[in-house]
N, C-alpha and C. Protein backbone atom coordinates (compact mmCIF):
# COMPACT_ATOMS: atom_id res chain seq x y z
N MET A 1 -4.86 6.70 -0.77
CA MET A 1 -2.75 6.36 -1.03
C MET A 1 -3.25 7.32 -2.04
N THR A 2 -2.80 8.20 -1.97
CA THR A 2 -1.60 9.16 -3.45
C THR A 2 -0.57 9.18 -3.79
N ILE A 3 -0.42 9.39 -5.26
CA ILE A 3 1.00 8.70 -5.67
C ILE A 3 1.21 9.77 -6.66
N LYS A 4 2.54 10.78 -6.77
CA LYS A 4 2.61 11.51 -7.12
C LYS A 4 3.23 11.41 -8.97
N PRO A 5 2.96 11.97 -9.91
CA PRO A 5 3.52 11.25 -11.38
C PRO A 5 4.89 10.88 -11.30
N SER A 6 5.84 11.21 -10.25
CA SER A 6 7.39 11.03 -10.33
C SER A 6 7.22 9.73 -9.57
N GLN A 7 6.78 9.60 -8.58
CA GLN A 7 6.70 7.93 -7.88
C GLN A 7 5.79 6.89 -9.18
N THR A 8 5.01 7.49 -9.36
CA THR A 8 4.58 6.35 -10.89
C THR A 8 5.69 6.17 -11.29
N LEU A 9 6.17 7.33 -12.16
CA LEU A 9 7.48 6.65 -13.04
C LEU A 9 8.56 5.76 -12.41
N ILE A 10 8.53 6.30 -11.35
CA ILE A 10 9.64 5.37 -10.81
C ILE A 10 9.65 4.04 -10.30
N LEU A 11 8.00 3.62 -10.10
CA LEU A 11 6.99 2.32 -9.94
C LEU A 11 7.15 2.00 -11.02
N ALA A 12 7.22 2.75 -12.20
CA ALA A 12 6.98 1.88 -13.23
C ALA A 12 8.43 1.67 -14.40
N LEU A 13 9.46 2.34 -13.71
CA LEU A 13 10.40 1.67 -14.21
C LEU A 13 11.10 0.63 -13.22
N LEU A 14 10.70 0.87 -11.71
CA LEU A 14 11.54 -0.60 -11.27
C LEU A 14 10.61 -2.03 -11.77
N ILE A 15 9.38 -1.71 -12.39
CA ILE A 15 8.75 -3.20 -12.66
C ILE A 15 9.00 -3.79 -14.36
N ILE A 16 9.84 -1.91 -14.91
CA ILE A 16 10.31 -3.19 -15.97
C ILE A 16 11.95 -3.42 -16.40
N VAL A 17 12.60 -2.86 -14.78
CA VAL A 17 13.69 -3.13 -14.49
C VAL A 17 13.63 -5.30 -13.96
N GLN A 18 12.33 -5.22 -13.15
CA GLN A 18 11.80 -6.56 -12.78
C GLN A 18 11.59 -7.59 -14.21
N LEU A 19 11.18 -6.77 -14.70
CA LEU A 19 10.79 -7.82 -15.56
C LEU A 19 12.13 -8.09 -16.70
N VAL A 20 12.70 -7.46 -17.21
CA VAL A 20 14.17 -7.41 -17.65
C VAL A 20 15.05 -8.50 -17.19
N CYS A 21 15.14 -8.43 -15.36
CA CYS A 21 15.17 -9.61 -14.97
C CYS A 21 14.87 -10.91 -14.88
N ALA A 22 13.21 -11.19 -14.91
CA ALA A 22 12.48 -11.98 -15.40
C ALA A 22 13.05 -13.02 -16.26
N LEU A 23 12.82 -11.73 -17.49
CA LEU A 23 13.13 -12.67 -18.92
C LEU A 23 14.83 -13.31 -18.98
N PHE A 24 15.54 -12.24 -18.31
CA PHE A 24 16.72 -12.86 -18.45
C PHE A 24 16.79 -14.35 -17.54
N PHE A 25 16.41 -14.19 -16.48
CA PHE A 25 16.19 -15.73 -15.59
C PHE A 25 15.46 -16.45 -16.36
N ALA A 26 14.64 -16.51 -17.13
CA ALA A 26 14.04 -17.10 -17.90
C ALA A 26 14.60 -17.95 -19.03
N TRP A 27 15.41 -17.37 -19.95
CA TRP A 27 16.31 -17.07 -20.89
C TRP A 27 17.36 -17.87 -20.24
N ASP A 28 17.85 -18.22 -18.96
CA ASP A 28 18.97 -18.58 -18.13
C ASP A 28 18.63 -19.73 -17.81
N VAL A 29 16.93 -20.45 -17.57
CA VAL A 29 16.61 -21.06 -16.79
C VAL A 29 16.32 -22.25 -18.25
N SER A 30 15.69 -21.80 -19.03
CA SER A 30 15.29 -22.53 -20.29
C SER A 30 17.24 -22.95 -21.53
N ARG A 31 18.05 -22.21 -21.24
CA ARG A 31 19.24 -22.67 -22.18
C ARG A 31 20.20 -23.90 -21.09
N ASP A 32 19.78 -23.64 -19.81
CA ASP A 32 20.53 -24.55 -18.48
C ASP A 32 19.39 -25.78 -18.87
N TYR A 33 18.02 -26.04 -19.12
CA TYR A 33 17.26 -26.72 -19.07
C TYR A 33 17.71 -27.82 -20.35
N PHE A 34 17.91 -27.28 -21.67
CA PHE A 34 18.25 -27.80 -22.53
C PHE A 34 19.68 -28.40 -22.57
N GLU A 35 20.73 -27.91 -21.76
CA GLU A 35 22.22 -28.42 -21.71
C GLU A 35 22.12 -29.51 -20.97
N ILE A 36 21.07 -29.89 -20.05
CA ILE A 36 21.08 -31.12 -19.24
C ILE A 36 20.08 -31.87 -19.38
N GLY A 37 19.10 -31.60 -21.13
CA GLY A 37 18.29 -32.34 -21.51
C GLY A 37 18.12 -33.80 -21.49
N ASN A 38 19.61 -34.35 -20.88
CA ASN A 38 19.54 -35.76 -21.45
C ASN A 38 18.96 -36.36 -20.34
N GLN A 39 19.42 -35.59 -19.39
CA GLN A 39 18.97 -36.23 -17.74
C GLN A 39 17.09 -36.63 -17.66
N SER A 40 16.78 -37.64 -16.67
CA SER A 40 15.36 -37.93 -16.77
C SER A 40 14.75 -36.79 -15.94
N LEU A 41 15.52 -36.10 -14.79
CA LEU A 41 15.06 -35.37 -13.28
C LEU A 41 15.86 -34.14 -13.55
N PRO A 42 15.39 -32.75 -14.08
CA PRO A 42 16.21 -31.67 -13.61
C PRO A 42 16.48 -31.85 -12.30
N ASP A 43 17.88 -31.08 -11.85
CA ASP A 43 18.65 -31.01 -11.01
C ASP A 43 17.92 -30.01 -9.69
N PHE A 44 18.28 -30.09 -8.70
CA PHE A 44 16.91 -29.35 -7.51
C PHE A 44 17.15 -27.58 -7.78
N HIS A 45 18.49 -27.20 -8.22
CA HIS A 45 19.17 -25.80 -8.72
C HIS A 45 18.19 -25.61 -9.85
N LEU A 46 18.40 -26.50 -10.77
CA LEU A 46 17.51 -25.70 -11.78
C LEU A 46 16.17 -25.36 -11.81
N ALA A 47 15.27 -26.46 -10.59
CA ALA A 47 13.79 -26.31 -10.38
C ALA A 47 13.89 -24.91 -9.21
N MET A 48 14.75 -25.27 -8.70
CA MET A 48 14.46 -24.05 -7.46
C MET A 48 14.59 -22.21 -8.52
N GLU A 49 15.53 -22.04 -9.44
CA GLU A 49 15.67 -21.22 -10.55
C GLU A 49 14.02 -20.79 -11.37
N ALA A 50 13.77 -22.42 -12.03
CA ALA A 50 12.06 -21.99 -12.39
C ALA A 50 11.34 -21.59 -11.76
N VAL A 51 11.36 -22.20 -10.42
CA VAL A 51 10.41 -20.99 -9.45
C VAL A 51 10.60 -20.19 -8.95
N SER A 52 11.81 -19.74 -9.08
CA SER A 52 11.89 -18.57 -8.50
C SER A 52 11.52 -17.36 -9.96
N VAL A 53 11.73 -17.39 -11.56
CA VAL A 53 11.22 -16.82 -12.04
C VAL A 53 9.76 -16.94 -12.28
N LEU A 54 9.18 -18.12 -12.16
CA LEU A 54 7.83 -18.00 -12.00
C LEU A 54 6.94 -17.41 -10.86
N ALA A 55 7.60 -16.53 -9.85
CA ALA A 55 7.48 -16.35 -8.59
C ALA A 55 8.04 -14.88 -8.72
N LEU A 56 8.81 -14.51 -9.49
CA LEU A 56 9.28 -12.86 -9.90
C LEU A 56 7.96 -12.76 -10.99
N ALA A 57 7.73 -13.53 -11.92
CA ALA A 57 6.63 -13.00 -12.79
C ALA A 57 5.21 -12.62 -12.31
N LEU A 58 4.92 -13.38 -11.10
CA LEU A 58 3.66 -13.52 -10.97
C LEU A 58 3.96 -12.34 -9.80
N ALA A 59 4.74 -11.69 -9.18
CA ALA A 59 5.00 -11.17 -8.34
C ALA A 59 4.60 -9.45 -9.32
N ILE A 60 5.18 -9.87 -10.42
CA ILE A 60 5.44 -8.82 -11.41
C ILE A 60 4.05 -8.62 -11.75
N GLY A 61 3.20 -9.15 -12.32
CA GLY A 61 1.66 -9.02 -12.67
C GLY A 61 1.43 -8.66 -11.35
N ILE A 62 1.55 -9.16 -10.16
CA ILE A 62 0.45 -8.39 -8.89
C ILE A 62 0.76 -6.68 -8.97
N GLU A 63 2.09 -6.54 -9.02
CA GLU A 63 2.26 -5.01 -9.07
C GLU A 63 1.97 -4.11 -9.72
N VAL A 64 1.94 -4.84 -11.09
CA VAL A 64 1.09 -3.88 -12.19
C VAL A 64 -0.46 -3.49 -11.98
N GLY A 65 -1.18 -4.94 -11.55
CA GLY A 65 -2.68 -4.64 -11.08
C GLY A 65 -2.64 -4.04 -9.67
N VAL A 66 -1.62 -3.78 -8.65
CA VAL A 66 -1.98 -2.79 -8.02
C VAL A 66 -1.64 -1.57 -8.15
N LEU A 67 -0.58 -1.25 -9.13
CA LEU A 67 -0.41 0.45 -9.54
C LEU A 67 -1.39 0.59 -10.29
N ARG A 68 -1.92 -0.14 -11.42
CA ARG A 68 -3.01 0.37 -11.74
C ARG A 68 -4.32 0.50 -10.98
N ARG A 69 -4.88 -0.35 -10.34
CA ARG A 69 -5.72 0.19 -9.28
C ARG A 69 -5.92 1.35 -8.47
N VAL A 70 -4.18 1.53 -8.00
CA VAL A 70 -3.98 2.77 -7.36
C VAL A 70 -4.48 4.12 -8.32
N MET A 71 -3.44 3.43 -9.63
CA MET A 71 -3.85 4.87 -10.73
C MET A 71 -5.38 5.31 -11.10
N ARG A 72 -6.53 4.60 -11.17
CA ARG A 72 -7.36 4.06 -10.90
C ARG A 72 -7.96 5.34 -10.17
N ARG A 73 -8.02 4.51 -9.18
CA ARG A 73 -8.58 5.01 -7.59
C ARG A 73 -8.31 6.92 -7.29
N GLN A 74 -7.00 6.83 -7.85
CA GLN A 74 -6.24 8.41 -7.72
C GLN A 74 -7.22 9.27 -8.44
N THR A 75 -7.23 9.27 -9.85
CA THR A 75 -8.38 9.25 -11.18
C THR A 75 -9.14 9.71 -10.56
N TYR A 76 -10.34 9.08 -10.47
CA TYR A 76 -11.27 8.51 -9.45
C TYR A 76 -11.70 10.02 -8.47
N LEU A 77 -10.57 9.73 -7.28
CA LEU A 77 -10.34 10.73 -6.10
C LEU A 77 -10.37 12.47 -6.79
N GLN A 78 -9.56 12.62 -8.06
CA GLN A 78 -9.23 13.74 -8.57
C GLN A 78 -10.47 14.51 -8.65
N GLU A 79 -11.23 13.33 -9.68
CA GLU A 79 -12.70 13.50 -10.38
C GLU A 79 -13.56 13.68 -9.10
N VAL A 80 -13.40 13.47 -7.93
CA VAL A 80 -14.59 13.87 -7.28
C VAL A 80 -14.03 14.74 -6.53
N SER A 81 -13.25 14.90 -6.18
CA SER A 81 -12.42 16.25 -5.26
C SER A 81 -13.00 17.55 -5.89
N SER A 82 -12.77 17.37 -8.05
CA SER A 82 -12.68 18.68 -8.39
C SER A 82 -14.71 19.06 -8.56
N GLN A 83 -15.23 18.00 -8.45
CA GLN A 83 -16.42 18.14 -8.37
C GLN A 83 -17.02 18.63 -6.81
N ALA A 84 -16.63 18.12 -6.20
CA ALA A 84 -16.68 18.73 -4.77
C ALA A 84 -16.34 20.30 -4.43
N ALA A 85 -15.12 20.37 -5.73
CA ALA A 85 -14.77 21.85 -5.37
C ALA A 85 -15.82 23.27 -6.21
N LYS A 86 -16.21 22.50 -7.30
CA LYS A 86 -17.38 23.07 -7.73
C LYS A 86 -18.94 23.28 -7.06
N ALA A 87 -19.13 21.85 -7.11
CA ALA A 87 -20.40 22.33 -5.78
C ALA A 87 -20.64 23.33 -4.78
N MET A 88 -19.17 23.22 -3.92
CA MET A 88 -18.65 24.33 -2.80
C MET A 88 -18.76 26.12 -3.32
N HIS A 89 -18.54 26.37 -4.58
CA HIS A 89 -18.28 27.14 -5.44
C HIS A 89 -19.28 27.67 -5.72
N GLU A 90 -20.58 26.29 -6.33
CA GLU A 90 -21.83 27.03 -6.59
C GLU A 90 -22.24 27.39 -5.68
N ILE A 91 -22.51 26.55 -4.06
CA ILE A 91 -22.62 27.01 -3.02
C ILE A 91 -22.69 28.61 -2.53
N VAL A 92 -21.02 28.38 -2.52
CA VAL A 92 -20.95 29.91 -1.91
C VAL A 92 -21.25 31.18 -2.60
N GLU A 93 -21.68 30.91 -4.00
CA GLU A 93 -21.74 31.67 -4.90
C GLU A 93 -23.29 32.48 -4.88
N GLU A 94 -23.80 31.30 -4.91
CA GLU A 94 -25.57 31.07 -4.54
C GLU A 94 -25.61 32.09 -3.26
N ARG A 95 -24.83 31.58 -2.07
CA ARG A 95 -25.26 32.26 -0.95
C ARG A 95 -24.96 33.74 -0.77
N PHE A 96 -23.72 34.16 -1.36
CA PHE A 96 -23.21 35.78 -2.08
C PHE A 96 -24.22 36.25 -2.46
N SER A 97 -25.20 35.63 -3.39
CA SER A 97 -26.21 36.10 -4.03
C SER A 97 -27.18 36.33 -3.47
N GLU A 98 -27.65 35.76 -2.93
CA GLU A 98 -28.55 35.88 -1.77
C GLU A 98 -28.23 36.40 -1.05
N TRP A 99 -27.32 36.87 -0.40
CA TRP A 99 -27.27 37.89 1.19
C TRP A 99 -27.45 39.53 0.04
N LYS A 100 -26.83 39.66 -1.17
CA LYS A 100 -26.70 40.58 -2.33
C LYS A 100 -25.49 41.58 -1.78
N LEU A 101 -24.37 40.64 -1.70
CA LEU A 101 -23.44 41.40 -1.21
C LEU A 101 -22.92 42.44 -2.34
N THR A 102 -21.77 43.66 -1.85
CA THR A 102 -21.65 44.38 -3.04
C THR A 102 -20.41 43.16 -3.06
N PRO A 103 -19.64 44.31 -4.65
CA PRO A 103 -18.24 43.22 -5.17
C PRO A 103 -17.08 43.26 -3.66
N SER A 104 -17.25 44.49 -3.50
CA SER A 104 -16.52 44.43 -1.63
C SER A 104 -16.56 43.59 -1.01
N GLU A 105 -17.62 43.68 -0.83
CA GLU A 105 -17.78 42.51 0.49
C GLU A 105 -17.38 41.00 -0.22
N HIS A 106 -18.09 41.19 -1.54
CA HIS A 106 -18.09 39.63 -1.84
C HIS A 106 -16.58 39.31 -2.07
N ASP A 107 -15.72 40.02 -2.20
CA ASP A 107 -13.86 39.78 -2.36
C ASP A 107 -13.84 39.18 -1.08
N VAL A 108 -14.28 39.83 0.04
CA VAL A 108 -13.61 39.74 1.84
C VAL A 108 -14.67 38.35 2.06
N ALA A 109 -15.61 38.15 1.60
CA ALA A 109 -16.66 36.65 2.35
C ALA A 109 -15.79 35.60 1.37
N MET A 110 -15.14 36.03 0.38
CA MET A 110 -14.62 34.68 -0.69
C MET A 110 -13.05 34.41 0.34
N LEU A 111 -12.51 35.59 0.99
CA LEU A 111 -11.10 35.40 1.26
C LEU A 111 -11.54 35.16 2.84
N VAL A 112 -12.24 35.28 3.24
CA VAL A 112 -12.65 34.56 4.97
C VAL A 112 -12.91 33.29 4.69
N VAL A 113 -13.51 32.72 3.22
CA VAL A 113 -14.19 31.38 3.06
C VAL A 113 -12.95 30.73 2.96
N LYS A 114 -11.99 31.45 2.10
CA LYS A 114 -10.75 30.52 2.00
C LYS A 114 -9.86 30.39 3.27
N GLY A 115 -10.39 31.25 4.36
CA GLY A 115 -9.58 31.07 5.51
C GLY A 115 -8.76 32.26 5.96
N PHE A 116 -8.52 33.30 5.47
CA PHE A 116 -7.63 34.41 5.60
C PHE A 116 -8.41 34.63 7.18
N SER A 117 -7.20 35.96 7.49
CA SER A 117 -7.08 36.21 8.44
C SER A 117 -7.74 37.70 8.27
N ILE A 118 -8.19 38.60 9.10
CA ILE A 118 -8.57 39.85 9.02
C ILE A 118 -7.28 40.88 8.45
N ALA A 119 -6.16 40.30 9.31
CA ALA A 119 -4.78 40.89 8.59
C ALA A 119 -4.76 40.56 6.92
N GLU A 120 -4.51 39.18 6.88
CA GLU A 120 -4.34 39.22 6.05
C GLU A 120 -5.09 39.64 4.49
N ILE A 121 -6.16 39.70 4.88
CA ILE A 121 -7.58 40.19 3.68
C ILE A 121 -6.87 41.49 3.41
N ALA A 122 -6.77 42.12 4.77
CA ALA A 122 -6.59 43.73 4.61
C ALA A 122 -4.96 44.06 3.36
N SER A 123 -4.37 42.97 4.05
CA SER A 123 -3.00 43.32 3.23
C SER A 123 -3.30 42.86 1.57
N ILE A 124 -4.34 41.79 1.00
CA ILE A 124 -4.38 41.32 -0.23
C ILE A 124 -4.86 42.41 -0.73
N ARG A 125 -6.00 42.84 0.21
CA ARG A 125 -6.90 44.17 -0.88
C ARG A 125 -6.36 45.21 -0.45
N GLY A 126 -4.86 45.45 0.34
CA GLY A 126 -4.59 47.08 0.22
C GLY A 126 -5.19 47.78 1.01
N SER A 127 -6.58 47.10 1.77
CA SER A 127 -7.08 48.24 2.62
C SER A 127 -6.72 48.21 4.12
N ALA A 128 -7.29 49.38 4.93
CA ALA A 128 -6.97 49.29 6.30
C ALA A 128 -7.94 48.18 7.32
N GLU A 129 -7.53 47.62 8.39
CA GLU A 129 -7.99 46.56 8.83
C GLU A 129 -9.63 47.10 9.76
N GLY A 130 -9.19 47.92 9.61
CA GLY A 130 -10.77 48.19 10.23
C GLY A 130 -11.92 48.29 8.70
N THR A 131 -11.55 48.99 7.82
CA THR A 131 -12.40 48.69 6.64
C THR A 131 -12.83 47.38 6.54
N ILE A 132 -11.60 46.33 6.75
CA ILE A 132 -12.25 45.00 6.47
C ILE A 132 -13.33 44.35 7.25
N LYS A 133 -13.12 45.01 8.69
CA LYS A 133 -13.79 44.76 9.91
C LYS A 133 -15.50 45.07 9.64
N ALA A 134 -15.73 46.10 8.58
CA ALA A 134 -16.60 46.77 8.84
C ALA A 134 -17.51 46.07 7.58
N HIS A 135 -16.56 45.55 6.50
CA HIS A 135 -17.17 44.86 5.46
C HIS A 135 -17.85 43.69 6.13
N LEU A 136 -16.78 43.12 6.69
CA LEU A 136 -17.64 42.11 7.63
C LEU A 136 -18.90 41.84 8.66
N ASN A 137 -19.01 42.89 9.17
CA ASN A 137 -20.37 43.21 10.03
C ASN A 137 -20.97 43.27 8.80
N ALA A 138 -20.92 43.99 7.48
CA ALA A 138 -22.09 43.95 6.93
C ALA A 138 -22.35 42.62 6.26
N ILE A 139 -21.78 41.96 6.12
CA ILE A 139 -21.49 40.05 5.48
C ILE A 139 -21.96 39.31 6.41
N TYR A 140 -21.66 39.62 7.83
CA TYR A 140 -22.39 39.11 8.74
C TYR A 140 -23.78 39.43 9.34
N ARG A 141 -24.36 41.06 8.93
CA ARG A 141 -25.76 41.37 9.15
C ARG A 141 -26.24 40.80 7.78
N LYS A 142 -26.18 41.00 6.62
CA LYS A 142 -26.82 40.35 5.49
C LYS A 142 -26.94 38.62 5.47
N SER A 143 -26.11 37.88 5.76
CA SER A 143 -26.33 36.66 6.43
C SER A 143 -26.84 36.13 7.00
N GLY A 144 -26.90 37.28 7.98
CA GLY A 144 -27.83 36.02 9.29
C GLY A 144 -26.99 36.06 10.46
N THR A 145 -25.82 36.05 10.57
CA THR A 145 -24.82 35.34 11.20
C THR A 145 -23.87 36.16 12.20
N SER A 146 -23.46 35.83 12.90
CA SER A 146 -22.19 37.01 14.04
C SER A 146 -21.01 36.65 14.03
N SER A 147 -21.15 35.31 13.33
CA SER A 147 -19.36 35.22 13.56
C SER A 147 -18.77 34.60 12.17
N ARG A 148 -17.59 34.73 12.39
CA ARG A 148 -17.05 33.75 10.95
C ARG A 148 -17.11 32.06 10.68
N ALA A 149 -17.54 31.68 12.15
CA ALA A 149 -17.78 30.19 12.36
C ALA A 149 -19.48 29.87 11.71
N GLU A 150 -19.90 30.96 12.34
CA GLU A 150 -21.40 30.76 11.90
C GLU A 150 -21.81 31.23 10.44
N MET A 151 -21.02 31.94 9.56
CA MET A 151 -21.21 32.04 8.00
C MET A 151 -20.37 30.68 7.77
N LEU A 152 -19.41 30.30 7.74
CA LEU A 152 -18.91 29.15 7.17
C LEU A 152 -19.78 28.19 7.65
N GLY A 153 -20.70 27.71 8.72
CA GLY A 153 -21.63 26.70 8.53
C GLY A 153 -22.46 26.72 7.85
N LEU A 154 -22.63 28.21 7.40
CA LEU A 154 -23.86 27.81 6.44
C LEU A 154 -23.46 27.25 4.86
N PHE A 155 -22.40 27.55 4.73
CA PHE A 155 -21.92 26.58 3.69
C PHE A 155 -21.30 25.17 3.92
N ILE A 156 -21.56 24.81 4.65
CA ILE A 156 -20.91 23.22 5.41
C ILE A 156 -22.60 22.67 5.12
N ASP A 157 -23.17 22.86 5.66
CA ASP A 157 -24.46 22.46 5.87
C ASP A 157 -25.25 21.95 4.99
N PRO A 158 -25.30 22.89 3.61
CA PRO A 158 -25.58 22.16 2.59
C PRO A 158 -24.99 20.95 2.00
N LEU A 159 -23.61 20.96 2.29
CA LEU A 159 -22.69 19.52 2.09
C LEU A 159 -22.86 18.20 3.09
N MET A 160 -23.44 18.61 3.70
CA MET A 160 -23.79 17.55 5.07
C MET A 160 -24.85 16.96 5.03
N GLY A 161 -26.02 17.49 4.32
CA GLY A 161 -27.25 17.03 3.71
C GLY A 161 -28.33 17.86 5.00
N ALA A 162 -27.90 18.43 5.97
CA ALA A 162 -28.99 18.63 7.12
C ALA A 162 -27.95 19.27 8.21
N PRO A 163 -28.48 20.69 8.95
CA PRO A 163 -27.88 21.03 10.06
C PRO A 163 -27.79 20.04 11.37
N LEU A 164 -26.51 20.14 12.23
CA LEU A 164 -26.14 19.00 12.73
C LEU A 164 -26.67 19.85 13.98
N VAL A 165 -27.20 20.94 13.89
CA VAL A 165 -27.77 21.17 15.20
C VAL A 165 -28.97 22.42 15.18
N LYS A 166 -30.10 21.85 15.40
CA LYS A 166 -31.41 22.31 14.86
C LYS A 166 -31.66 23.98 15.47
N ASN A 167 -31.77 23.87 16.81
CA ASN A 167 -32.13 24.91 17.69
C ASN A 167 -31.27 25.64 18.93
N GLY A 168 -30.16 25.66 18.43
CA GLY A 168 -28.90 25.80 19.52
C GLY A 168 -28.37 24.84 20.39
N PRO A 169 -27.44 24.75 21.21
CA PRO A 169 -26.96 24.49 22.12
C PRO A 169 -28.12 23.83 23.22
N GLN A 170 -27.93 22.46 23.77
CA GLN A 170 -28.92 21.49 24.75
C GLN A 170 -29.27 22.61 26.06
N LYS A 171 -29.91 22.78 26.64
CA LYS A 171 -29.94 23.46 28.14
C LYS A 171 -29.00 22.69 29.01
N GLY A 172 -28.17 23.47 30.16
CA GLY A 172 -27.27 22.51 30.54
C GLY A 172 -26.07 22.37 30.10
N GLY A 173 -25.76 22.73 29.09
CA GLY A 173 -24.55 23.01 28.31
C GLY A 173 -24.23 21.34 27.76
N GLN A 174 -24.86 20.56 28.12
CA GLN A 174 -24.49 19.25 27.52
C GLN A 174 -25.15 19.06 25.99
N ASP A 175 -23.86 18.18 25.68
CA ASP A 175 -24.43 17.64 24.33
C ASP A 175 -25.07 16.74 24.50
N SER A 176 -26.34 16.75 23.67
CA SER A 176 -26.99 14.66 23.66
C SER A 176 -26.26 14.17 22.65
N ALA A 177 -26.37 12.68 23.00
CA ALA A 177 -25.55 11.74 22.01
C ALA A 177 -26.81 11.39 20.96
């Protein structure tokens, strides 16, 4: 669960409002208790108000705990995501270096990894689509691949630990389980 900063602020404000209400009700219960202090047993209404104050205080404590856990989890996930992005970038740059791409091929390959189409890459680079296709053919040749999907698989496999398919598809066109 991801919480936006504005949502965190709203939740914190709601908790503060609940806390103010709890303090008001606790003050009201204590005032009522001292007003009827002569009686041996407080009346049912006062007892219910006291239980309600305790329940509200417990709920506030639980909400604060949950909010803190969610915020810690979100911070952790952001750190892990940042580390994964850095690792992916390192893998991409390492592969590009191994393939000895030219600066233009490097730029085109990076845009391919980011998911841009040939037309989008041509527009971004101010080149003709034919030029981008020529760069892609050189990239595929240098990487030992024949398609965008195959090339992207070279980046995914190291992140997965091992290739999912070792020797291509099984005979008969069926995947083995």
